[in-house]
Amino acid sequence: MNDYIALILGIICAEIGGELFVRGTIGLAHWTRVSPGIIGVTIAAFATSSPALPVSINAAMAGEPQIALGDALGSNVVNVALVLAIALAISGIQSPVTA
């Protein structure tokens, strides 16, 4: 298969999966009668951290706990940094006015 076709199919599948993920979390929020924001943040946090779980398990079973720890810490640090950066970019940087 052509690499470009595989790339386009991957992007399409990611788009469909993301849409299903969002619709599922909204449905879960309505079903549990919890704020969609709280459900969204909780499930999104789990979803962004879950790919690191198999890597950490394999590293720990291979006797390399440093890799497991580094993977978990690195993943969470990047997630927090991206959330803070996006929040800062959306809110804008405001400097105090000096007169």
N, C-alpha and C. Protein backbone atom coordinates (compact mmCIF):
# COMPACT_ATOMS: atom_id res chain seq x y z
N MET A 1 0.85 -1.17 0.00
CA MET A 1 0.00 0.00 0.00
C MET A 1 0.89 1.23 0.00
N ASN A 2 0.47 2.21 -0.71
CA ASN A 2 1.20 3.45 -0.81
C ASN A 2 1.23 4.14 0.56
N ASP A 3 2.35 4.74 0.90
CA ASP A 3 2.49 5.41 2.20
C ASP A 3 1.51 6.57 2.36
N TYR A 4 1.25 7.27 1.29
CA TYR A 4 0.33 8.40 1.37
C TYR A 4 -1.10 7.94 1.64
N ILE A 5 -1.47 6.83 1.04
CA ILE A 5 -2.81 6.29 1.27
C ILE A 5 -2.94 5.84 2.73
N ALA A 6 -1.88 5.20 3.25
CA ALA A 6 -1.90 4.78 4.66
C ALA A 6 -2.00 5.99 5.58
N LEU A 7 -1.30 7.07 5.25
CA LEU A 7 -1.37 8.29 6.05
C LEU A 7 -2.78 8.87 6.03
N ILE A 8 -3.37 8.96 4.86
CA ILE A 8 -4.72 9.52 4.75
C ILE A 8 -5.73 8.64 5.48
N LEU A 9 -5.61 7.32 5.34
CA LEU A 9 -6.51 6.41 6.06
C LEU A 9 -6.34 6.56 7.58
N GLY A 10 -5.11 6.73 8.03
CA GLY A 10 -4.86 6.94 9.46
C GLY A 10 -5.50 8.21 9.97
N ILE A 11 -5.41 9.27 9.21
CA ILE A 11 -6.02 10.55 9.61
C ILE A 11 -7.54 10.42 9.64
N ILE A 12 -8.11 9.75 8.64
CA ILE A 12 -9.56 9.56 8.61
C ILE A 12 -10.02 8.72 9.81
N CYS A 13 -9.29 7.65 10.11
CA CYS A 13 -9.65 6.80 11.25
C CYS A 13 -9.51 7.56 12.57
N ALA A 14 -8.49 8.41 12.69
CA ALA A 14 -8.33 9.22 13.91
C ALA A 14 -9.49 10.20 14.05
N GLU A 15 -9.93 10.77 12.95
CA GLU A 15 -11.06 11.70 12.99
C GLU A 15 -12.34 10.99 13.42
N ILE A 16 -12.59 9.83 12.84
CA ILE A 16 -13.80 9.07 13.20
C ILE A 16 -13.72 8.62 14.66
N GLY A 17 -12.57 8.13 15.08
CA GLY A 17 -12.40 7.71 16.46
C GLY A 17 -12.57 8.85 17.45
N GLY A 18 -12.05 10.02 17.11
CA GLY A 18 -12.21 11.19 17.97
C GLY A 18 -13.66 11.61 18.09
N GLU A 19 -14.37 11.57 16.98
CA GLU A 19 -15.80 11.93 17.00
C GLU A 19 -16.60 10.94 17.85
N LEU A 20 -16.32 9.65 17.68
CA LEU A 20 -17.01 8.64 18.50
C LEU A 20 -16.66 8.79 19.97
N PHE A 21 -15.42 9.13 20.25
CA PHE A 21 -14.98 9.34 21.64
C PHE A 21 -15.76 10.49 22.28
N VAL A 22 -15.87 11.60 21.58
CA VAL A 22 -16.58 12.76 22.11
C VAL A 22 -18.07 12.45 22.30
N ARG A 23 -18.67 11.80 21.32
CA ARG A 23 -20.09 11.46 21.45
C ARG A 23 -20.32 10.49 22.60
N GLY A 24 -19.40 9.56 22.79
CA GLY A 24 -19.52 8.61 23.89
C GLY A 24 -19.41 9.28 25.24
N THR A 25 -18.49 10.23 25.38
CA THR A 25 -18.35 10.92 26.66
C THR A 25 -19.56 11.80 26.96
N ILE A 26 -20.11 12.41 25.92
CA ILE A 26 -21.32 13.21 26.13
C ILE A 26 -22.48 12.32 26.55
N GLY A 27 -22.62 11.17 25.90
CA GLY A 27 -23.67 10.23 26.28
C GLY A 27 -23.48 9.72 27.70
N LEU A 28 -22.24 9.45 28.08
CA LEU A 28 -21.95 9.00 29.44
C LEU A 28 -22.28 10.09 30.46
N ALA A 29 -22.01 11.33 30.12
CA ALA A 29 -22.32 12.44 31.02
C ALA A 29 -23.83 12.56 31.22
N HIS A 30 -24.58 12.43 30.15
CA HIS A 30 -26.04 12.49 30.28
C HIS A 30 -26.58 11.31 31.07
N TRP A 31 -26.03 10.12 30.82
CA TRP A 31 -26.49 8.92 31.49
C TRP A 31 -26.22 8.97 33.00
N THR A 32 -25.05 9.49 33.40
CA THR A 32 -24.70 9.56 34.82
C THR A 32 -25.18 10.85 35.47
N ARG A 33 -25.74 11.76 34.68
CA ARG A 33 -26.21 13.05 35.17
C ARG A 33 -25.11 13.85 35.86
N VAL A 34 -23.95 13.80 35.23
CA VAL A 34 -22.80 14.56 35.71
C VAL A 34 -22.48 15.60 34.63
N SER A 35 -21.89 16.68 35.04
CA SER A 35 -21.53 17.74 34.09
C SER A 35 -20.66 17.17 32.97
N PRO A 36 -20.98 17.49 31.72
CA PRO A 36 -20.15 16.99 30.62
C PRO A 36 -18.70 17.45 30.72
N GLY A 37 -18.47 18.60 31.33
CA GLY A 37 -17.09 19.07 31.49
C GLY A 37 -16.27 18.16 32.39
N ILE A 38 -16.87 17.74 33.49
CA ILE A 38 -16.16 16.86 34.43
C ILE A 38 -15.90 15.50 33.80
N ILE A 39 -16.90 14.94 33.15
CA ILE A 39 -16.73 13.65 32.48
C ILE A 39 -15.69 13.78 31.37
N GLY A 40 -15.78 14.84 30.61
CA GLY A 40 -14.84 15.04 29.50
C GLY A 40 -13.41 15.15 29.98
N VAL A 41 -13.18 15.90 31.03
CA VAL A 41 -11.82 16.06 31.54
C VAL A 41 -11.30 14.74 32.11
N THR A 42 -12.13 14.03 32.84
CA THR A 42 -11.70 12.77 33.44
C THR A 42 -11.38 11.73 32.38
N ILE A 43 -12.28 11.55 31.44
CA ILE A 43 -12.06 10.53 30.41
C ILE A 43 -10.95 10.96 29.46
N ALA A 44 -10.88 12.23 29.13
CA ALA A 44 -9.80 12.70 28.26
C ALA A 44 -8.44 12.52 28.93
N ALA A 45 -8.37 12.75 30.23
CA ALA A 45 -7.11 12.55 30.94
C ALA A 45 -6.70 11.08 30.91
N PHE A 46 -7.67 10.19 31.10
CA PHE A 46 -7.36 8.77 31.03
C PHE A 46 -6.95 8.38 29.62
N ALA A 47 -7.65 8.90 28.63
CA ALA A 47 -7.36 8.54 27.24
C ALA A 47 -5.98 9.00 26.79
N THR A 48 -5.53 10.14 27.28
CA THR A 48 -4.21 10.61 26.88
C THR A 48 -3.10 9.87 27.63
N SER A 49 -3.39 9.34 28.80
CA SER A 49 -2.38 8.62 29.56
C SER A 49 -2.38 7.11 29.29
N SER A 50 -3.47 6.59 28.76
CA SER A 50 -3.57 5.13 28.58
C SER A 50 -2.58 4.53 27.59
N PRO A 51 -2.14 5.22 26.52
CA PRO A 51 -1.14 4.59 25.65
C PRO A 51 0.19 4.31 26.37
N ALA A 52 0.48 5.03 27.43
CA ALA A 52 1.72 4.79 28.15
C ALA A 52 1.64 3.54 29.03
N LEU A 53 0.43 3.06 29.30
CA LEU A 53 0.26 1.91 30.19
C LEU A 53 0.91 0.64 29.65
N PRO A 54 0.69 0.23 28.40
CA PRO A 54 1.35 -0.99 27.92
C PRO A 54 2.88 -0.87 27.89
N VAL A 55 3.37 0.32 27.57
CA VAL A 55 4.82 0.53 27.56
C VAL A 55 5.38 0.36 28.97
N SER A 56 4.71 0.94 29.94
CA SER A 56 5.17 0.83 31.32
C SER A 56 5.09 -0.60 31.83
N ILE A 57 4.04 -1.32 31.48
CA ILE A 57 3.91 -2.71 31.92
C ILE A 57 5.00 -3.57 31.30
N ASN A 58 5.23 -3.40 30.00
CA ASN A 58 6.29 -4.18 29.34
C ASN A 58 7.66 -3.86 29.92
N ALA A 59 7.92 -2.60 30.20
CA ALA A 59 9.21 -2.21 30.75
C ALA A 59 9.39 -2.78 32.16
N ALA A 60 8.34 -2.73 32.96
CA ALA A 60 8.43 -3.26 34.32
C ALA A 60 8.63 -4.77 34.30
N MET A 61 7.94 -5.47 33.38
CA MET A 61 8.09 -6.93 33.30
C MET A 61 9.46 -7.32 32.75
N ALA A 62 10.08 -6.43 31.98
CA ALA A 62 11.41 -6.70 31.44
C ALA A 62 12.51 -6.34 32.44
N GLY A 63 12.11 -5.86 33.61
CA GLY A 63 13.11 -5.51 34.63
C GLY A 63 13.73 -4.15 34.43
N GLU A 64 13.03 -3.26 33.76
CA GLU A 64 13.52 -1.89 33.52
C GLU A 64 12.53 -0.88 34.11
N PRO A 65 12.48 -0.78 35.44
CA PRO A 65 11.50 0.15 36.04
C PRO A 65 11.80 1.61 35.73
N GLN A 66 13.04 1.93 35.38
CA GLN A 66 13.37 3.32 35.06
C GLN A 66 12.62 3.77 33.80
N ILE A 67 12.49 2.86 32.84
CA ILE A 67 11.76 3.21 31.62
C ILE A 67 10.29 3.43 31.93
N ALA A 68 9.72 2.58 32.76
CA ALA A 68 8.32 2.73 33.14
C ALA A 68 8.09 4.06 33.85
N LEU A 69 8.96 4.39 34.77
CA LEU A 69 8.82 5.66 35.50
C LEU A 69 9.01 6.85 34.58
N GLY A 70 10.02 6.78 33.73
CA GLY A 70 10.27 7.88 32.79
C GLY A 70 9.13 8.07 31.81
N ASP A 71 8.55 6.98 31.36
CA ASP A 71 7.43 7.07 30.43
C ASP A 71 6.22 7.71 31.10
N ALA A 72 5.90 7.27 32.30
CA ALA A 72 4.74 7.82 33.01
C ALA A 72 4.95 9.30 33.35
N LEU A 73 6.11 9.64 33.88
CA LEU A 73 6.38 11.04 34.22
C LEU A 73 6.43 11.92 32.99
N GLY A 74 7.10 11.45 31.95
CA GLY A 74 7.22 12.23 30.73
C GLY A 74 5.86 12.49 30.08
N SER A 75 5.03 11.47 30.04
CA SER A 75 3.69 11.61 29.46
C SER A 75 2.87 12.63 30.23
N ASN A 76 2.89 12.55 31.54
CA ASN A 76 2.09 13.47 32.35
C ASN A 76 2.63 14.89 32.31
N VAL A 77 3.94 15.04 32.29
CA VAL A 77 4.53 16.38 32.22
C VAL A 77 4.16 17.04 30.89
N VAL A 78 4.24 16.29 29.81
CA VAL A 78 3.87 16.84 28.50
C VAL A 78 2.39 17.20 28.47
N ASN A 79 1.53 16.35 29.01
CA ASN A 79 0.10 16.65 29.03
C ASN A 79 -0.19 17.93 29.80
N VAL A 80 0.39 18.07 30.97
CA VAL A 80 0.17 19.28 31.78
C VAL A 80 0.72 20.51 31.07
N ALA A 81 1.90 20.39 30.49
CA ALA A 81 2.50 21.53 29.79
C ALA A 81 1.65 21.96 28.60
N LEU A 82 1.13 21.00 27.85
CA LEU A 82 0.29 21.35 26.71
C LEU A 82 -1.02 22.00 27.14
N VAL A 83 -1.62 21.48 28.19
CA VAL A 83 -2.87 22.08 28.68
C VAL A 83 -2.63 23.51 29.15
N LEU A 84 -1.56 23.72 29.90
CA LEU A 84 -1.26 25.08 30.36
C LEU A 84 -0.93 26.01 29.21
N ALA A 85 -0.19 25.51 28.23
CA ALA A 85 0.16 26.34 27.07
C ALA A 85 -1.08 26.72 26.27
N ILE A 86 -1.96 25.77 26.06
CA ILE A 86 -3.19 26.06 25.31
C ILE A 86 -4.08 27.03 26.08
N ALA A 87 -4.19 26.84 27.40
CA ALA A 87 -4.98 27.77 28.21
C ALA A 87 -4.40 29.18 28.16
N LEU A 88 -3.09 29.27 28.19
CA LEU A 88 -2.44 30.58 28.11
C LEU A 88 -2.64 31.21 26.75
N ALA A 89 -2.56 30.41 25.71
CA ALA A 89 -2.74 30.94 24.36
C ALA A 89 -4.17 31.41 24.14
N ILE A 90 -5.13 30.69 24.70
CA ILE A 90 -6.53 31.08 24.53
C ILE A 90 -6.85 32.34 25.33
N SER A 91 -6.37 32.39 26.57
CA SER A 91 -6.70 33.54 27.42
C SER A 91 -5.90 34.78 27.05
N GLY A 92 -4.76 34.60 26.46
CA GLY A 92 -3.92 35.73 26.10
C GLY A 92 -3.10 36.20 27.27
N ILE A 93 -1.98 36.74 26.97
CA ILE A 93 -1.08 37.22 28.01
C ILE A 93 -1.41 38.70 28.24
N GLN A 94 -1.73 39.03 29.49
CA GLN A 94 -2.05 40.40 29.81
C GLN A 94 -1.00 40.93 30.78
N SER A 95 -0.38 42.01 30.39
CA SER A 95 0.61 42.61 31.28
C SER A 95 -0.02 43.78 32.01
N PRO A 96 0.47 44.03 33.23
CA PRO A 96 -0.10 45.15 33.99
C PRO A 96 0.25 46.48 33.31
N VAL A 97 -0.69 47.39 33.36
CA VAL A 97 -0.49 48.70 32.75
C VAL A 97 0.19 49.58 33.78
N THR A 98 1.34 50.11 33.41
CA THR A 98 2.06 51.02 34.31
C THR A 98 1.86 52.44 33.82
N ALA A 99 1.52 53.31 34.73
CA ALA A 99 1.26 54.68 34.34
C ALA A 99 2.33 55.60 34.87
